[in-house]
C-alpha atoms as a PDB file:
ATOM      1  CA  MET A   1      14.375 -64.987 -14.218  1.00  0.00           C
ATOM      2  CA  SER A   2      17.505 -65.126 -16.386  1.00  0.00           C
ATOM      3  CA  ARG A   3      17.618 -65.586 -20.165  1.00  0.00           C
ATOM      4  CA  VAL A   4      18.933 -68.535 -22.167  1.00  0.00           C
ATOM      5  CA  GLN A   5      22.717 -68.819 -21.842  1.00  0.00           C
ATOM      6  CA  HIS A   6      25.234 -70.751 -23.941  1.00  0.00           C
ATOM      7  CA  LEU A   7      28.327 -71.526 -21.857  1.00  0.00           C
ATOM      8  CA  VAL A   8      31.501 -73.108 -23.232  1.00  0.00           C
ATOM      9  CA  VAL A   9      33.105 -75.942 -21.261  1.00  0.00           C
ATOM     10  CA  THR A  10      36.602 -74.851 -20.246  1.00  0.00           C
ATOM     11  CA  GLU A  11      39.756 -76.950 -20.199  1.00  0.00           C
ATOM     12  CA  ASP A  12      39.604 -77.387 -16.420  1.00  0.00           C
ATOM     13  CA  GLU A  13      36.001 -78.627 -16.638  1.00  0.00           C
ATOM     14  CA  ALA A  14      36.741 -81.472 -19.056  1.00  0.00           C
ATOM     15  CA  ASN A  15      35.346 -84.840 -17.937  1.00  0.00           C
ATOM     16  CA  LEU A  16      32.970 -83.281 -15.400  1.00  0.00           C
ATOM     17  CA  ARG A  17      29.513 -84.852 -15.198  1.00  0.00           C
ATOM     18  CA  VAL A  18      26.695 -82.603 -16.358  1.00  0.00           C
ATOM     19  CA  ASP A  19      25.102 -82.557 -12.890  1.00  0.00           C
ATOM     20  CA  ARG A  20      28.388 -81.567 -11.226  1.00  0.00           C
ATOM     21  CA  TRP A  21      29.011 -78.884 -13.848  1.00  0.00           C
ATOM     22  CA  PHE A  22      25.610 -77.356 -13.076  1.00  0.00           C
ATOM     23  CA  LYS A  23      26.262 -77.592  -9.329  1.00  0.00           C
ATOM     24  CA  ALA A  24      29.479 -75.593  -9.803  1.00  0.00           C
ATOM     25  CA  HIS A  25      27.829 -72.910 -11.954  1.00  0.00           C
ATOM     26  CA  PHE A  26      24.385 -72.784 -10.319  1.00  0.00           C
ATOM     27  CA  PRO A  27      24.804 -73.958  -6.713  1.00  0.00           C
ATOM     28  CA  GLY A  28      21.217 -73.198  -5.735  1.00  0.00           C
ATOM     29  CA  MET A  29      19.747 -75.566  -8.333  1.00  0.00           C
ATOM     30  CA  THR A  30      18.359 -78.760  -6.791  1.00  0.00           C
ATOM     31  CA  HIS A  31      18.886 -82.141  -8.389  1.00  0.00           C
ATOM     32  CA  GLY A  32      15.133 -82.336  -8.980  1.00  0.00           C
ATOM     33  CA  GLN A  33      15.149 -79.023 -10.865  1.00  0.00           C
ATOM     34  CA  LEU A  34      18.061 -80.187 -12.991  1.00  0.00           C
ATOM     35  CA  GLU A  35      16.381 -83.490 -13.846  1.00  0.00           C
ATOM     36  CA  LYS A  36      13.191 -81.670 -14.826  1.00  0.00           C
ATOM     37  CA  HIS A  37      15.074 -79.441 -17.271  1.00  0.00           C
ATOM     38  CA  LEU A  38      16.917 -82.469 -18.669  1.00  0.00           C
ATOM     39  CA  ARG A  39      13.684 -84.421 -19.198  1.00  0.00           C
ATOM     40  CA  LYS A  40      12.097 -81.482 -21.008  1.00  0.00           C
ATOM     41  CA  GLY A  41      15.168 -81.094 -23.230  1.00  0.00           C
ATOM     42  CA  ASP A  42      15.759 -77.532 -22.007  1.00  0.00           C
ATOM     43  CA  ILE A  43      19.383 -78.377 -21.248  1.00  0.00           C
ATOM     44  CA  ARG A  44      21.450 -79.399 -24.259  1.00  0.00           C
ATOM     45  CA  VAL A  45      25.130 -80.054 -24.954  1.00  0.00           C
ATOM     46  CA  ASP A  46      26.177 -79.092 -28.490  1.00  0.00           C
ATOM     47  CA  LYS A  47      22.440 -78.934 -29.315  1.00  0.00           C
ATOM     48  CA  LYS A  48      21.846 -82.533 -28.200  1.00  0.00           C
ATOM     49  CA  ARG A  49      19.797 -83.772 -25.250  1.00  0.00           C
ATOM     50  CA  SER A  50      21.871 -84.705 -22.242  1.00  0.00           C
ATOM     51  CA  LYS A  51      21.703 -86.817 -19.096  1.00  0.00           C
ATOM     52  CA  ALA A  52      22.926 -85.932 -15.609  1.00  0.00           C
ATOM     53  CA  ASN A  53      25.786 -88.451 -15.735  1.00  0.00           C
ATOM     54  CA  ASP A  54      27.056 -87.520 -19.217  1.00  0.00           C
ATOM     55  CA  ARG A  55      30.689 -86.373 -19.258  1.00  0.00           C
ATOM     56  CA  LEU A  56      31.561 -82.985 -20.749  1.00  0.00           C
ATOM     57  CA  GLU A  57      34.460 -82.216 -23.080  1.00  0.00           C
ATOM     58  CA  THR A  58      36.479 -79.037 -23.511  1.00  0.00           C
ATOM     59  CA  GLY A  59      34.919 -76.750 -26.122  1.00  0.00           C
ATOM     60  CA  GLN A  60      31.397 -78.128 -25.900  1.00  0.00           C
ATOM     61  CA  THR A  61      28.581 -75.605 -25.536  1.00  0.00           C
ATOM     62  CA  VAL A  62      26.004 -76.105 -22.796  1.00  0.00           C
ATOM     63  CA  ARG A  63      22.570 -74.564 -23.329  1.00  0.00           C
ATOM     64  CA  VAL A  64      21.284 -73.256 -20.007  1.00  0.00           C
ATOM     65  CA  PRO A  65      17.552 -72.413 -19.988  1.00  0.00           C
ATOM     66  CA  PRO A  66      16.060 -69.408 -18.186  1.00  0.00           C
ATOM     67  CA  LEU A  67      16.432 -70.150 -14.482  1.00  0.00           C
ATOM     68  CA  ALA A  68      14.652 -68.866 -11.397  1.00  0.00           C
ATOM     69  CA  ASP A  69      16.562 -66.329  -9.326  1.00  0.00           C
ATOM     70  CA  ASP A  70      16.922 -68.728  -6.405  1.00  0.00           C
ATOM     71  CA  VAL A  71      19.300 -71.053  -8.262  1.00  0.00           C
ATOM     72  CA  TYR A  72      21.904 -68.315  -7.977  1.00  0.00           C
ATOM     73  CA  LYS A  73      21.562 -68.127  -4.209  1.00  0.00           C
ATOM     74  CA  PRO A  74      23.914 -70.088  -1.954  1.00  0.00           C
ATOM     75  CA  VAL A  75      22.895 -73.524  -0.762  1.00  0.00           C
ATOM     76  CA  GLN A  76      24.291 -72.558   2.635  1.00  0.00           C
ATOM     77  CA  PRO A  77      24.876 -69.061   3.982  1.00  0.00           C
ATOM     78  CA  GLY A  78      28.091 -67.565   2.652  1.00  0.00           C
ATOM     79  CA  SER A  79      28.753 -70.151  -0.059  1.00  0.00           C
ATOM     80  CA  VAL A  80      28.094 -68.573  -3.486  1.00  0.00           C
ATOM     81  CA  ARG A  81      26.357 -65.496  -4.765  1.00  0.00           C
ATOM     82  CA  LYS A  82      25.523 -64.641  -8.365  1.00  0.00           C
ATOM     83  CA  MET A  83      26.600 -61.122  -9.213  1.00  0.00           C
ATOM     84  CA  PRO A  84      23.741 -59.193 -10.841  1.00  0.00           C
ATOM     85  CA  GLU A  85      24.752 -58.897 -14.499  1.00  0.00           C
ATOM     86  CA  ASP A  86      22.612 -55.883 -15.242  1.00  0.00           C
ATOM     87  CA  ARG A  87      23.554 -53.881 -12.166  1.00  0.00           C
ATOM     88  CA  LEU A  88      27.330 -53.559 -12.275  1.00  0.00           C
ATOM     89  CA  SER A  89      28.619 -50.388 -10.688  1.00  0.00           C
ATOM     90  CA  ASP A  90      30.648 -47.856 -12.655  1.00  0.00           C
ATOM     91  CA  ARG A  91      33.641 -48.949 -10.577  1.00  0.00           C
ATOM     92  CA  ASP A  92      33.106 -52.611 -11.504  1.00  0.00           C
ATOM     93  CA  ILE A  93      32.944 -51.727 -15.182  1.00  0.00           C
ATOM     94  CA  ALA A  94      36.047 -49.544 -14.931  1.00  0.00           C
ATOM     95  CA  ASP A  95      37.938 -52.274 -13.050  1.00  0.00           C
ATOM     96  CA  ILE A  96      37.246 -55.016 -15.597  1.00  0.00           C
ATOM     97  CA  ARG A  97      38.047 -52.721 -18.524  1.00  0.00           C
ATOM     98  CA  LYS A  98      41.386 -51.758 -16.979  1.00  0.00           C
ATOM     99  CA  MET A  99      42.391 -55.404 -17.320  1.00  0.00           C
ATOM    100  CA  ILE A 100      42.067 -55.445 -21.128  1.00  0.00           C
ATOM    101  CA  LEU A 101      45.333 -56.265 -22.904  1.00  0.00           C
ATOM    102  CA  HIS A 102      43.821 -56.917 -26.327  1.00  0.00           C
ATOM    103  CA  MET A 103      40.396 -56.609 -27.945  1.00  0.00           C
ATOM    104  CA  ASP A 104      39.204 -57.282 -31.488  1.00  0.00           C
ATOM    105  CA  ASP A 105      35.978 -58.489 -33.121  1.00  0.00           C
ATOM    106  CA  ALA A 106      36.308 -62.038 -31.758  1.00  0.00           C
ATOM    107  CA  VAL A 107      38.669 -62.043 -28.774  1.00  0.00           C
ATOM    108  CA  ILE A 108      39.290 -60.135 -25.562  1.00  0.00           C
ATOM    109  CA  VAL A 109      42.416 -60.857 -23.508  1.00  0.00           C
ATOM    110  CA  LEU A 110      42.637 -59.716 -19.898  1.00  0.00           C
ATOM    111  CA  ASN A 111      45.492 -59.365 -17.423  1.00  0.00           C
ATOM    112  CA  LYS A 112      43.790 -60.887 -14.368  1.00  0.00           C
ATOM    113  CA  PRO A 113      45.122 -59.625 -11.044  1.00  0.00           C
ATOM    114  CA  ALA A 114      46.103 -62.039  -8.283  1.00  0.00           C
ATOM    115  CA  GLY A 115      43.332 -62.526  -5.730  1.00  0.00           C
ATOM    116  CA  LEU A 116      40.411 -62.187  -8.156  1.00  0.00           C
ATOM    117  CA  PRO A 117      38.656 -65.518  -8.843  1.00  0.00           C
ATOM    118  CA  VAL A 118      37.708 -66.342 -12.420  1.00  0.00           C
ATOM    119  CA  GLN A 119      34.407 -67.883 -11.311  1.00  0.00           C
ATOM    120  CA  GLY A 120      32.332 -67.936  -8.139  1.00  0.00           C
ATOM    121  CA  GLY A 121      32.987 -70.391  -5.345  1.00  0.00           C
ATOM    122  CA  SER A 122      32.749 -70.748  -1.611  1.00  0.00           C
ATOM    123  CA  GLY A 123      32.837 -67.291  -0.077  1.00  0.00           C
ATOM    124  CA  GLN A 124      33.601 -65.613  -3.434  1.00  0.00           C
ATOM    125  CA  TYR A 125      31.316 -62.694  -4.191  1.00  0.00           C
ATOM    126  CA  ARG A 126      33.360 -60.844  -6.819  1.00  0.00           C
ATOM    127  CA  HIS A 127      34.838 -62.667  -9.782  1.00  0.00           C
ATOM    128  CA  VAL A 128      35.691 -62.230 -13.471  1.00  0.00           C
ATOM    129  CA  ASP A 129      32.654 -64.187 -14.654  1.00  0.00           C
ATOM    130  CA  GLY A 130      30.371 -61.860 -12.726  1.00  0.00           C
ATOM    131  CA  LEU A 131      32.047 -58.774 -14.229  1.00  0.00           C
ATOM    132  CA  LEU A 132      31.909 -59.851 -17.876  1.00  0.00           C
ATOM    133  CA  GLU A 133      28.774 -57.818 -18.531  1.00  0.00           C
ATOM    134  CA  GLY A 134      31.099 -54.821 -18.333  1.00  0.00           C
ATOM    135  CA  LEU A 135      32.885 -56.125 -21.442  1.00  0.00           C
ATOM    136  CA  ARG A 136      29.776 -56.507 -23.582  1.00  0.00           C
ATOM    137  CA  PHE A 137      30.211 -53.095 -25.280  1.00  0.00           C
ATOM    138  CA  ASP A 138      27.822 -53.156 -28.289  1.00  0.00           C
ATOM    139  CA  TYR A 139      27.654 -56.960 -28.583  1.00  0.00           C
ATOM    140  CA  PRO A 140      24.369 -58.848 -27.978  1.00  0.00           C
ATOM    141  CA  ASP A 141      26.017 -61.151 -25.397  1.00  0.00           C
ATOM    142  CA  LYS A 142      28.788 -60.787 -22.861  1.00  0.00           C
ATOM    143  CA  PRO A 143      32.119 -62.515 -23.697  1.00  0.00           C
ATOM    144  CA  ARG A 144      32.640 -66.140 -22.669  1.00  0.00           C
ATOM    145  CA  LEU A 145      35.360 -67.760 -20.594  1.00  0.00           C
ATOM    146  CA  VAL A 146      37.311 -70.482 -22.423  1.00  0.00           C
ATOM    147  CA  HIS A 147      39.848 -71.370 -19.717  1.00  0.00           C
ATOM    148  CA  ARG A 148      40.618 -70.480 -16.125  1.00  0.00           C
ATOM    149  CA  LEU A 149      43.387 -69.316 -13.827  1.00  0.00           C
ATOM    150  CA  ASP A 150      43.598 -69.994 -10.107  1.00  0.00           C
ATOM    151  CA  LYS A 151      42.352 -67.181  -7.895  1.00  0.00           C
ATOM    152  CA  ASP A 152      45.887 -66.302  -6.760  1.00  0.00           C
ATOM    153  CA  THR A 153      47.501 -66.654 -10.198  1.00  0.00           C
ATOM    154  CA  SER A 154      47.740 -63.448 -12.215  1.00  0.00           C
ATOM    155  CA  GLY A 155      48.122 -62.923 -15.930  1.00  0.00           C
ATOM    156  CA  VAL A 156      46.703 -63.721 -19.354  1.00  0.00           C
ATOM    157  CA  LEU A 157      43.035 -64.740 -19.497  1.00  0.00           C
ATOM    158  CA  VAL A 158      41.396 -65.263 -22.913  1.00  0.00           C
ATOM    159  CA  LEU A 159      37.705 -64.642 -23.667  1.00  0.00           C
ATOM    160  CA  GLY A 160      35.616 -65.338 -26.756  1.00  0.00           C
ATOM    161  CA  ARG A 161      33.294 -62.487 -27.756  1.00  0.00           C
ATOM    162  CA  THR A 162      30.851 -64.781 -29.588  1.00  0.00           C
ATOM    163  CA  ARG A 163      29.762 -68.393 -29.186  1.00  0.00           C
ATOM    164  CA  LEU A 164      31.689 -69.479 -32.293  1.00  0.00           C
ATOM    165  CA  ALA A 165      34.822 -67.602 -31.256  1.00  0.00           C
ATOM    166  CA  ALA A 166      34.674 -69.133 -27.771  1.00  0.00           C
ATOM    167  CA  LYS A 167      34.293 -72.617 -29.238  1.00  0.00           C
ATOM    168  CA  HIS A 168      37.290 -72.096 -31.531  1.00  0.00           C
ATOM    169  CA  LEU A 169      39.457 -70.880 -28.657  1.00  0.00           C
ATOM    170  CA  ALA A 170      38.362 -73.663 -26.288  1.00  0.00           C
ATOM    171  CA  GLU A 171      39.188 -76.248 -28.956  1.00  0.00           C
ATOM    172  CA  ALA A 172      42.669 -74.733 -29.308  1.00  0.00           C
ATOM    173  CA  PHE A 173      43.216 -75.415 -25.594  1.00  0.00           C
ATOM    174  CA  LYS A 174      41.805 -78.930 -25.991  1.00  0.00           C
ATOM    175  CA  ARG A 175      44.139 -79.726 -28.909  1.00  0.00           C
ATOM    176  CA  ARG A 176      47.113 -78.382 -26.904  1.00  0.00           C
ATOM    177  CA  THR A 177      48.133 -76.125 -29.770  1.00  0.00           C
ATOM    178  CA  THR A 178      48.093 -73.165 -27.403  1.00  0.00           C
ATOM    179  CA  ARG A 179      51.527 -72.149 -26.119  1.00  0.00           C
ATOM    180  CA  LYS A 180      51.547 -70.799 -22.558  1.00  0.00           C
ATOM    181  CA  ILE A 181      54.496 -69.422 -20.614  1.00  0.00           C
ATOM    182  CA  TYR A 182      54.279 -68.723 -16.870  1.00  0.00           C
ATOM    183  CA  TRP A 183      56.743 -66.889 -14.670  1.00  0.00           C
ATOM    184  CA  ALA A 184      57.170 -67.944 -11.073  1.00  0.00           C
ATOM    185  CA  LEU A 185      59.353 -67.193  -8.089  1.00  0.00           C
ATOM    186  CA  VAL A 186      60.247 -70.426  -6.335  1.00  0.00           C
ATOM    187  CA  ALA A 187      61.837 -71.034  -2.949  1.00  0.00           C
ATOM    188  CA  GLY A 188      65.278 -72.500  -3.587  1.00  0.00           C
ATOM    189  CA  VAL A 189      66.907 -73.203  -6.947  1.00  0.00           C
ATOM    190  CA  PRO A 190      65.736 -76.122  -9.124  1.00  0.00           C
ATOM    191  CA  ARG A 191      68.283 -78.755 -10.060  1.00  0.00           C
ATOM    192  CA  PRO A 192      69.034 -79.072 -12.903  1.00  0.00           C
ATOM    193  CA  ARG A 193      68.536 -75.510 -14.073  1.00  0.00           C
ATOM    194  CA  GLU A 194      66.498 -76.658 -17.063  1.00  0.00           C
ATOM    195  CA  ALA A 195      64.448 -79.837 -17.461  1.00  0.00           C
ATOM    196  CA  THR A 196      61.062 -81.439 -17.997  1.00  0.00           C
ATOM    197  CA  ILE A 197      58.896 -82.458 -15.035  1.00  0.00           C
ATOM    198  CA  SER A 198      56.716 -85.477 -15.708  1.00  0.00           C
ATOM    199  CA  TYR A 199      54.648 -86.607 -12.736  1.00  0.00           C
ATOM    200  CA  ASN A 200      51.113 -87.948 -13.082  1.00  0.00           C
ATOM    201  CA  LEU A 201      48.548 -86.067 -11.016  1.00  0.00           C
ATOM    202  CA  ALA A 202      45.276 -86.985  -9.335  1.00  0.00           C
ATOM    203  CA  LYS A 203      42.643 -85.132  -7.297  1.00  0.00           C
ATOM    204  CA  ILE A 204      41.896 -86.288  -3.774  1.00  0.00           C
ATOM    205  CA  VAL A 205      39.443 -85.087  -1.140  1.00  0.00           C
ATOM    206  CA  THR A 206      40.929 -84.069   2.205  1.00  0.00           C
ATOM    207  CA  ALA A 207      39.463 -82.635   5.389  1.00  0.00           C
ATOM    208  CA  ASN A 208      40.312 -79.191   3.997  1.00  0.00           C
ATOM    209  CA  GLY A 209      38.764 -79.788   0.574  1.00  0.00           C
ATOM    210  CA  GLU A 210      39.985 -81.019  -2.789  1.00  0.00           C
ATOM    211  CA  LYS A 211      43.708 -81.208  -3.473  1.00  0.00           C
ATOM    212  CA  VAL A 212      45.944 -82.402  -6.311  1.00  0.00           C
ATOM    213  CA  VAL A 213      48.730 -84.889  -5.581  1.00  0.00           C
ATOM    214  CA  VAL A 214      51.410 -86.793  -7.479  1.00  0.00           C
ATOM    215  CA  ASP A 215      49.970 -90.226  -8.239  1.00  0.00           C
ATOM    216  CA  ARG A 216      51.507 -92.870 -10.485  1.00  0.00           C
ATOM    217  CA  ASP A 217      48.012 -93.893 -11.581  1.00  0.00           C
ATOM    218  CA  GLY A 218      46.817 -90.325 -12.126  1.00  0.00           C
ATOM    219  CA  GLN A 219      46.527 -88.288 -15.314  1.00  0.00           C
ATOM    220  CA  LYS A 220      49.643 -87.577 -17.329  1.00  0.00           C
ATOM    221  CA  ALA A 221      51.086 -84.139 -16.542  1.00  0.00           C
ATOM    222  CA  VAL A 222      54.178 -82.604 -18.162  1.00  0.00           C
ATOM    223  CA  THR A 223      55.869 -79.242 -17.528  1.00  0.00           C
ATOM    224  CA  ASP A 224      59.016 -77.786 -19.085  1.00  0.00           C
ATOM    225  CA  TYR A 225      60.945 -75.320 -16.927  1.00  0.00           C
ATOM    226  CA  SER A 226      64.028 -73.124 -17.098  1.00  0.00           C
ATOM    227  CA  VAL A 227      65.740 -71.039 -14.415  1.00  0.00           C
ATOM    228  CA  ILE A 228      66.130 -67.444 -15.612  1.00  0.00           C
ATOM    229  CA  ALA A 229      67.855 -65.846 -12.605  1.00  0.00           C
ATOM    230  CA  VAL A 230      68.658 -66.653  -8.993  1.00  0.00           C
ATOM    231  CA  ALA A 231      68.969 -64.818  -5.672  1.00  0.00           C
ATOM    232  CA  GLY A 232      71.771 -66.888  -4.171  1.00  0.00           C
ATOM    233  CA  GLN A 233      70.271 -70.206  -3.077  1.00  0.00           C
ATOM    234  CA  ARG A 234      67.282 -68.440  -1.557  1.00  0.00           C
ATOM    235  CA  ALA A 235      64.991 -68.151  -4.576  1.00  0.00           C
ATOM    236  CA  ALA A 236      64.842 -68.409  -8.345  1.00  0.00           C
ATOM    237  CA  TRP A 237      62.928 -66.787 -11.186  1.00  0.00           C
ATOM    238  CA  VAL A 238      61.646 -69.691 -13.251  1.00  0.00           C
ATOM    239  CA  ALA A 239      59.868 -69.850 -16.611  1.00  0.00           C
ATOM    240  CA  LEU A 240      57.344 -72.677 -16.835  1.00  0.00           C
ATOM    241  CA  LYS A 241      55.754 -74.096 -19.973  1.00  0.00           C
ATOM    242  CA  PRO A 242      52.888 -76.500 -19.283  1.00  0.00           C
ATOM    243  CA  VAL A 243      52.676 -79.187 -21.962  1.00  0.00           C
ATOM    244  CA  THR A 244      49.475 -80.538 -20.426  1.00  0.00           C
ATOM    245  CA  GLY A 245      46.829 -78.524 -18.622  1.00  0.00           C
ATOM    246  CA  ARG A 246      45.954 -80.263 -15.367  1.00  0.00           C
ATOM    247  CA  THR A 247      44.466 -78.437 -12.401  1.00  0.00           C
ATOM    248  CA  HIS A 248      47.203 -76.930 -10.173  1.00  0.00           C
ATOM    249  CA  GLN A 249      49.811 -78.670 -12.348  1.00  0.00           C
ATOM    250  CA  LEU A 250      52.539 -76.039 -12.074  1.00  0.00           C
ATOM    251  CA  ARG A 251      52.085 -75.650  -8.331  1.00  0.00           C
ATOM    252  CA  VAL A 252      52.273 -79.386  -7.622  1.00  0.00           C
ATOM    253  CA  HIS A 253      55.154 -79.971 -10.052  1.00  0.00           C
ATOM    254  CA  CYS A 254      57.227 -77.229  -8.404  1.00  0.00           C
ATOM    255  CA  VAL A 255      56.684 -78.856  -5.004  1.00  0.00           C
ATOM    256  CA  ALA A 256      57.599 -82.228  -6.514  1.00  0.00           C
ATOM    257  CA  ILE A 257      61.087 -80.923  -7.406  1.00  0.00           C
ATOM    258  CA  GLU A 258      61.396 -79.393  -3.905  1.00  0.00           C
ATOM    259  CA  THR A 259      61.138 -75.747  -4.963  1.00  0.00           C
ATOM    260  CA  PRO A 260      57.579 -74.609  -4.122  1.00  0.00           C
ATOM    261  CA  ILE A 261      56.178 -71.453  -5.654  1.00  0.00           C
ATOM    262  CA  VAL A 262      56.611 -68.592  -3.212  1.00  0.00           C
ATOM    263  CA  GLY A 263      53.332 -67.823  -1.466  1.00  0.00           C
ATOM    264  CA  ASP A 264      51.746 -71.188  -2.264  1.00  0.00           C
ATOM    265  CA  GLY A 265      51.051 -72.352   1.272  1.00  0.00           C
ATOM    266  CA  LYS A 266      48.430 -74.868   0.151  1.00  0.00           C
ATOM    267  CA  TYR A 267      51.009 -77.058  -1.554  1.00  0.00           C
ATOM    268  CA  GLY A 268      54.357 -75.761  -0.327  1.00  0.00           C
ATOM    269  CA  GLY A 269      53.554 -75.286   3.355  1.00  0.00           C
ATOM    270  CA  PRO A 270      55.783 -73.000   5.464  1.00  0.00           C
ATOM    271  CA  GLU A 271      58.722 -73.499   3.089  1.00  0.00           C
ATOM    272  CA  ALA A 272      56.810 -71.582   0.403  1.00  0.00           C
ATOM    273  CA  PHE A 273      57.243 -68.308   2.310  1.00  0.00           C
ATOM    274  CA  LEU A 274      60.444 -66.275   2.342  1.00  0.00           C
ATOM    275  CA  GLU A 275      61.626 -64.121   5.213  1.00  0.00           C
ATOM    276  CA  GLY A 276      61.950 -60.394   4.864  1.00  0.00           C
ATOM    277  CA  ALA A 277      59.922 -58.023   2.704  1.00  0.00           C
ATOM    278  CA  ILE A 278      58.889 -60.571   0.041  1.00  0.00           C
ATOM    279  CA  SER A 279      55.113 -60.548  -0.374  1.00  0.00           C
ATOM    280  CA  LYS A 280      53.168 -63.509   1.029  1.00  0.00           C
ATOM    281  CA  LYS A 281      51.001 -63.563  -2.118  1.00  0.00           C
ATOM    282  CA  MET A 282      51.514 -66.380  -4.605  1.00  0.00           C
ATOM    283  CA  HIS A 283      54.184 -65.583  -7.175  1.00  0.00           C
ATOM    284  CA  LEU A 284      52.770 -67.300 -10.266  1.00  0.00           C
ATOM    285  CA  HIS A 285      51.970 -65.266 -13.374  1.00  0.00           C
ATOM    286  CA  ALA A 286      50.572 -66.339 -16.760  1.00  0.00           C
ATOM    287  CA  ARG A 287      53.071 -64.243 -18.675  1.00  0.00           C
ATOM    288  CA  GLU A 288      52.443 -65.098 -22.318  1.00  0.00           C
ATOM    289  CA  ILE A 289      50.046 -66.970 -24.557  1.00  0.00           C
ATOM    290  CA  THR A 290      50.136 -67.806 -28.251  1.00  0.00           C
ATOM    291  CA  ILE A 291      46.836 -69.105 -29.567  1.00  0.00           C
ATOM    292  CA  SER A 292      45.046 -69.680 -32.862  1.00  0.00           C
ATOM    293  CA  HIS A 293      42.729 -66.733 -33.520  1.00  0.00           C
ATOM    294  CA  PRO A 294      39.253 -67.494 -34.916  1.00  0.00           C
ATOM    295  CA  ASP A 295      40.208 -65.590 -38.097  1.00  0.00           C
ATOM    296  CA  GLY A 296      43.005 -68.085 -38.784  1.00  0.00           C
ATOM    297  CA  SER A 297      45.905 -65.905 -37.652  1.00  0.00           C
ATOM    298  CA  GLU A 298      48.145 -66.458 -34.624  1.00  0.00           C
ATOM    299  CA  LEU A 299      47.599 -64.247 -31.590  1.00  0.00           C
ATOM    300  CA  MET A 300      50.452 -63.706 -29.108  1.00  0.00           C
ATOM    301  CA  ILE A 301      49.847 -61.662 -25.954  1.00  0.00           C
ATOM    302  CA  THR A 302      52.186 -60.794 -23.072  1.00  0.00           C
ATOM    303  CA  ALA A 303      50.921 -59.637 -19.663  1.00  0.00           C
ATOM    304  CA  PRO A 304      52.874 -57.268 -17.394  1.00  0.00           C
ATOM    305  CA  LEU A 305      53.687 -58.640 -13.944  1.00  0.00           C
ATOM    306  CA  ASP A 306      51.246 -58.112 -11.093  1.00  0.00           C
ATOM    307  CA  LYS A 307      52.155 -55.364  -8.612  1.00  0.00           C
ATOM    308  CA  HIS A 308      53.433 -57.667  -5.849  1.00  0.00           C
ATOM    309  CA  MET A 309      55.686 -59.505  -8.296  1.00  0.00           C
ATOM    310  CA  VAL A 310      57.053 -56.223  -9.666  1.00  0.00           C
ATOM    311  CA  GLU A 311      58.032 -55.284  -6.108  1.00  0.00           C
ATOM    312  CA  THR A 312      59.651 -58.688  -5.537  1.00  0.00           C
ATOM    313  CA  TRP A 313      61.619 -58.444  -8.795  1.00  0.00           C
ATOM    314  CA  LYS A 314      62.983 -55.076  -7.611  1.00  0.00           C
ATOM    315  CA  LEU A 315      63.927 -56.464  -4.200  1.00  0.00           C
ATOM    316  CA  LEU A 316      65.782 -59.403  -5.773  1.00  0.00           C
ATOM    317  CA  ASP A 317      67.333 -57.287  -8.538  1.00  0.00           C
ATOM    318  CA  PHE A 318      65.648 -59.272 -11.304  1.00  0.00           C
ATOM    319  CA  HIS A 319      65.121 -57.437 -14.606  1.00  0.00           C
ATOM    320  CA  GLU A 320      62.333 -58.325 -17.014  1.00  0.00           C
ATOM    321  CA  ASN A 321      64.438 -57.268 -19.998  1.00  0.00           C
ATOM    322  CA  ASP A 322      66.955 -60.010 -19.164  1.00  0.00           C
ATOM    323  CA  TYR A 323      64.407 -62.633 -20.232  1.00  0.00           C
ATOM    324  CA  GLU A 324      64.939 -64.530 -23.464  1.00  0.00           C
ATOM    325  CA  ASP A 325      62.542 -67.371 -24.247  1.00  0.00           C
ATOM    326  CA  PRO A 326      64.547 -70.491 -23.247  1.00  0.00           C
ATOM    327  CA  PHE A 327      62.055 -72.883 -24.774  1.00  0.00           C
ATOM    328  CA  LEU A 328      62.557 -71.527 -28.267  1.00  0.00           C
ATOM    329  CA  GLU A 329      66.340 -71.595 -27.902  1.00  0.00           C
ATOM    330  CA  HIS A 330      66.464 -75.182 -26.718  1.00  0.00           C
ATOM    331  CA  GLY A 331      63.503 -76.506 -28.652  1.00  0.00           C
ATOM    332  CA  LEU A 332      61.374 -77.307 -25.599  1.00  0.00           C
END
């Protein structure tokens, strides 16, 4: 049996139904088990009773009651496995602590490597959420996720060390007062070299799973971008500043302007891969974040590039020190 948990709804989970949120977090829980907990009032959202079809908002706190071990088991073989929180190996603990970029009384910021999922999913047995026990230190609870990055996106990931800190941080994402800068390598060179991409996005279900597409009737999605350096017409180093925070927004917007992110085969297809020694991994990195700290100050963190992107930058003769924030200069 687990203990009571208080989980903060992340930006990407906004508007999810309560039952679907539980299915994502606890895939072994049956609908009947969920309804029983809801009827008893064991499950609460911001301390209020909830129904299965209620919609969640970013920053809300979901009370999860003690659950039987089997809710963490996969519904089908190979789907999801809960990592045992109290049995992390020394290597697991060392690995998650190596990612720390910043730590204070309220906030931990990690530099997530590409290839490591933030949360569990189909076939994912090792993920940040399952390693967070290694970041408890002397606190009564492990830190809480307040936003997510795609599995293959590296870079800045912010955690709240307490329930109140996590709620403050999640609300900063919800209010869009958080400033995020991503670096990407794209195939081709965007035209013009600096602009704003504004294409509405919607999720669709395909034979290969869920996918995000440009849709006039979808949710508003806006991204500012600026080309920092180019390798002929072959590729470009691009800085991206998401104004909105839709799922896969940067990846779909880059495809929409015909310069897919290198390594993003899901959206860019074969054209997202460059010939030669360039890594096949996705070249998208959450480089910098500026966010309101729970103590009222402003926290700005920069994450070093992931190893495969460092190698690509060397191959293309790109230099990190050449970067000057184009969005400050031009008021974007």
